[in-house]
Amino acid sequence: MRIGNILENLSPDELRQLHREMLRRGVVGTSEFPFQEKDKILIRTVTHYWLGAIKHIGPDYLTLENASWVADTGRFHEVLVKGVDDPDGLQRRPEIEPAPGNPVVMRAAIVDICPWMHNLPSEVI
């Protein structure tokens, strides 16, 4: 028997119960997201860092604007506290390259996100 056939035969109450159990076990996530459009964020994905403002929050992706690819954050805590307006004043200089257009980051690839309380870079650092 296919899973679709099983689900079709469940009552609305049984479907809600199944969904709650799947949430409890971590099988499915929620659509909640702790940031909103226009928030500036530093994203760590499984492969890269991205810095930018959220343009759009999709069901499984984020679109960024004024975004940059971050090859090296330098000292992570220091860059979060001070930003990159004066990269030479940082203990270890970060490597940041503005990205053309509006990059899209898949939410499934995100490891963590930090709020960015500074100006977004507009040139290569």
C-alpha atoms as a PDB file:
ATOM      1  CA  MET A   1       0.000   0.000   0.000  1.00  0.00           C
ATOM      2  CA  ARG A   2       1.319   3.474  -0.927  1.00  0.00           C
ATOM      3  CA  ILE A   3       1.728   6.164   1.747  1.00  0.00           C
ATOM      4  CA  GLY A   4      -0.634   8.437  -0.210  1.00  0.00           C
ATOM      5  CA  ASN A   5      -3.401   5.857   0.065  1.00  0.00           C
ATOM      6  CA  ILE A   6      -2.875   5.603   3.817  1.00  0.00           C
ATOM      7  CA  LEU A   7      -2.991   9.391   4.282  1.00  0.00           C
ATOM      8  CA  GLU A   8      -6.142   9.722   2.198  1.00  0.00           C
ATOM      9  CA  ASN A   9      -7.953   7.427   4.628  1.00  0.00           C
ATOM     10  CA  LEU A  10      -7.002   9.351   7.788  1.00  0.00           C
ATOM     11  CA  SER A  11      -9.520  11.663   9.430  1.00  0.00           C
ATOM     12  CA  PRO A  12      -8.645  15.364   9.933  1.00  0.00           C
ATOM     13  CA  ASP A  13      -8.007  14.656  13.638  1.00  0.00           C
ATOM     14  CA  GLU A  14      -5.698  11.758  12.772  1.00  0.00           C
ATOM     15  CA  LEU A  15      -3.820  13.946  10.271  1.00  0.00           C
ATOM     16  CA  ARG A  16      -3.316  16.675  12.916  1.00  0.00           C
ATOM     17  CA  GLN A  17      -2.103  14.067  15.391  1.00  0.00           C
ATOM     18  CA  LEU A  18       0.306  12.640  12.805  1.00  0.00           C
ATOM     19  CA  HIS A  19       1.635  16.136  12.016  1.00  0.00           C
ATOM     20  CA  ARG A  20       2.177  16.916  15.736  1.00  0.00           C
ATOM     21  CA  GLU A  21       4.072  13.650  16.135  1.00  0.00           C
ATOM     22  CA  MET A  22       6.210  14.353  13.083  1.00  0.00           C
ATOM     23  CA  LEU A  23       7.041  17.817  14.473  1.00  0.00           C
ATOM     24  CA  ARG A  24       7.917  16.294  17.855  1.00  0.00           C
ATOM     25  CA  ARG A  25      10.265  13.804  16.228  1.00  0.00           C
ATOM     26  CA  GLY A  26      11.846  16.407  13.956  1.00  0.00           C
ATOM     27  CA  VAL A  27      10.658  14.688  10.786  1.00  0.00           C
ATOM     28  CA  VAL A  28       9.140  17.927   9.498  1.00  0.00           C
ATOM     29  CA  GLY A  29       9.918  21.526  10.385  1.00  0.00           C
ATOM     30  CA  THR A  30       7.726  24.509  10.916  1.00  0.00           C
ATOM     31  CA  SER A  31       7.244  27.467   8.619  1.00  0.00           C
ATOM     32  CA  GLU A  32       8.269  29.851  11.396  1.00  0.00           C
ATOM     33  CA  PHE A  33      11.335  31.969  10.718  1.00  0.00           C
ATOM     34  CA  PRO A  34      12.943  34.236  13.353  1.00  0.00           C
ATOM     35  CA  PHE A  35      13.790  37.056  10.911  1.00  0.00           C
ATOM     36  CA  GLN A  36      11.730  39.225   8.593  1.00  0.00           C
ATOM     37  CA  GLU A  37      12.148  41.009   5.281  1.00  0.00           C
ATOM     38  CA  LYS A  38      14.650  43.912   5.363  1.00  0.00           C
ATOM     39  CA  ASP A  39      16.551  42.385   8.335  1.00  0.00           C
ATOM     40  CA  LYS A  40      20.316  42.379   7.770  1.00  0.00           C
ATOM     41  CA  ILE A  41      21.872  38.987   8.518  1.00  0.00           C
ATOM     42  CA  LEU A  42      25.061  36.953   8.327  1.00  0.00           C
ATOM     43  CA  ILE A  43      24.230  33.417   7.180  1.00  0.00           C
ATOM     44  CA  ARG A  44      26.465  30.390   7.548  1.00  0.00           C
ATOM     45  CA  THR A  45      25.494  27.614   5.149  1.00  0.00           C
ATOM     46  CA  VAL A  46      27.004  24.167   4.841  1.00  0.00           C
ATOM     47  CA  THR A  47      29.519  25.555   2.322  1.00  0.00           C
ATOM     48  CA  HIS A  48      29.654  29.380   2.471  1.00  0.00           C
ATOM     49  CA  TYR A  49      28.792  32.525   4.404  1.00  0.00           C
ATOM     50  CA  TRP A  50      26.433  35.163   3.004  1.00  0.00           C
ATOM     51  CA  LEU A  51      25.857  38.687   4.253  1.00  0.00           C
ATOM     52  CA  GLY A  52      22.864  40.724   3.150  1.00  0.00           C
ATOM     53  CA  ALA A  53      19.373  42.036   3.763  1.00  0.00           C
ATOM     54  CA  ILE A  54      16.419  39.693   3.409  1.00  0.00           C
ATOM     55  CA  LYS A  55      14.424  40.641   0.332  1.00  0.00           C
ATOM     56  CA  HIS A  56      12.010  37.696   0.402  1.00  0.00           C
ATOM     57  CA  ILE A  57      11.360  34.699   2.652  1.00  0.00           C
ATOM     58  CA  GLY A  58      10.143  31.748   0.623  1.00  0.00           C
ATOM     59  CA  PRO A  59       8.926  28.415   1.951  1.00  0.00           C
ATOM     60  CA  ASP A  60      12.338  26.819   1.367  1.00  0.00           C
ATOM     61  CA  TYR A  61      14.635  29.702   0.371  1.00  0.00           C
ATOM     62  CA  LEU A  62      15.708  33.262   1.219  1.00  0.00           C
ATOM     63  CA  THR A  63      16.353  35.921  -1.395  1.00  0.00           C
ATOM     64  CA  LEU A  64      18.970  38.468  -0.331  1.00  0.00           C
ATOM     65  CA  GLU A  65      19.617  42.001  -1.533  1.00  0.00           C
ATOM     66  CA  ASN A  66      22.773  44.106  -1.150  1.00  0.00           C
ATOM     67  CA  ALA A  67      24.387  40.724  -0.558  1.00  0.00           C
ATOM     68  CA  SER A  68      27.998  39.635  -0.349  1.00  0.00           C
ATOM     69  CA  TRP A  69      29.727  36.280  -0.378  1.00  0.00           C
ATOM     70  CA  VAL A  70      32.000  35.985   2.645  1.00  0.00           C
ATOM     71  CA  ALA A  71      35.097  33.887   1.932  1.00  0.00           C
ATOM     72  CA  ASP A  72      36.589  34.557   5.372  1.00  0.00           C
ATOM     73  CA  THR A  73      34.928  36.286   8.326  1.00  0.00           C
ATOM     74  CA  GLY A  74      38.208  37.022  10.061  1.00  0.00           C
ATOM     75  CA  ARG A  75      37.693  36.830  13.836  1.00  0.00           C
ATOM     76  CA  PHE A  76      34.011  35.848  13.963  1.00  0.00           C
ATOM     77  CA  HIS A  77      33.109  37.599  17.232  1.00  0.00           C
ATOM     78  CA  GLU A  78      35.005  40.737  16.247  1.00  0.00           C
ATOM     79  CA  VAL A  79      33.304  41.051  12.858  1.00  0.00           C
ATOM     80  CA  LEU A  80      29.876  40.563  14.477  1.00  0.00           C
ATOM     81  CA  VAL A  81      30.598  43.243  17.077  1.00  0.00           C
ATOM     82  CA  LYS A  82      32.438  45.798  14.892  1.00  0.00           C
ATOM     83  CA  GLY A  83      31.212  45.144  11.355  1.00  0.00           C
ATOM     84  CA  VAL A  84      33.446  45.791   8.348  1.00  0.00           C
ATOM     85  CA  ASP A  85      33.307  49.576   7.883  1.00  0.00           C
ATOM     86  CA  ASP A  86      36.974  49.704   8.951  1.00  0.00           C
ATOM     87  CA  PRO A  87      38.423  46.328   7.926  1.00  0.00           C
ATOM     88  CA  ASP A  88      41.995  47.475   8.598  1.00  0.00           C
ATOM     89  CA  GLY A  89      41.038  48.163  12.217  1.00  0.00           C
ATOM     90  CA  LEU A  90      40.095  44.521  12.751  1.00  0.00           C
ATOM     91  CA  GLN A  91      42.526  42.035  14.289  1.00  0.00           C
ATOM     92  CA  ARG A  92      42.166  39.799  11.216  1.00  0.00           C
ATOM     93  CA  ARG A  93      40.908  41.246   7.941  1.00  0.00           C
ATOM     94  CA  PRO A  94      37.849  39.467   6.465  1.00  0.00           C
ATOM     95  CA  GLU A  95      37.435  38.597   2.777  1.00  0.00           C
ATOM     96  CA  ILE A  96      34.099  39.776   1.398  1.00  0.00           C
ATOM     97  CA  GLU A  97      32.906  40.119  -2.196  1.00  0.00           C
ATOM     98  CA  PRO A  98      29.626  41.837  -3.103  1.00  0.00           C
ATOM     99  CA  ALA A  99      27.416  39.603  -5.239  1.00  0.00           C
ATOM    100  CA  PRO A 100      25.596  40.926  -8.291  1.00  0.00           C
ATOM    101  CA  GLY A 101      21.829  40.584  -8.332  1.00  0.00           C
ATOM    102  CA  ASN A 102      19.877  38.956  -5.532  1.00  0.00           C
ATOM    103  CA  PRO A 103      21.355  35.626  -4.411  1.00  0.00           C
ATOM    104  CA  VAL A 104      18.993  32.882  -3.291  1.00  0.00           C
ATOM    105  CA  VAL A 105      19.984  30.738  -0.300  1.00  0.00           C
ATOM    106  CA  MET A 106      18.210  27.442   0.288  1.00  0.00           C
ATOM    107  CA  ARG A 107      16.927  27.251   3.858  1.00  0.00           C
ATOM    108  CA  ALA A 108      17.869  23.561   4.100  1.00  0.00           C
ATOM    109  CA  ALA A 109      21.535  24.554   3.618  1.00  0.00           C
ATOM    110  CA  ILE A 110      21.540  27.098   6.480  1.00  0.00           C
ATOM    111  CA  VAL A 111      23.536  26.116   9.559  1.00  0.00           C
ATOM    112  CA  ASP A 112      22.949  29.327  11.532  1.00  0.00           C
ATOM    113  CA  ILE A 113      22.087  33.003  11.127  1.00  0.00           C
ATOM    114  CA  CYS A 114      23.321  36.012  13.096  1.00  0.00           C
ATOM    115  CA  PRO A 115      21.726  39.454  13.031  1.00  0.00           C
ATOM    116  CA  TRP A 116      23.980  42.008  11.302  1.00  0.00           C
ATOM    117  CA  MET A 117      23.820  45.358  13.091  1.00  0.00           C
ATOM    118  CA  HIS A 118      26.163  47.242  10.736  1.00  0.00           C
ATOM    119  CA  ASN A 119      26.350  48.664   7.235  1.00  0.00           C
ATOM    120  CA  LEU A 120      26.448  46.105   4.450  1.00  0.00           C
ATOM    121  CA  PRO A 121      29.672  46.250   2.402  1.00  0.00           C
ATOM    122  CA  SER A 122      29.396  47.593  -1.137  1.00  0.00           C
ATOM    123  CA  GLU A 123      32.941  46.836  -2.298  1.00  0.00           C
ATOM    124  CA  VAL A 124      35.448  44.001  -2.140  1.00  0.00           C
ATOM    125  CA  ILE A 125      37.215  43.741   1.212  1.00  0.00           C
END
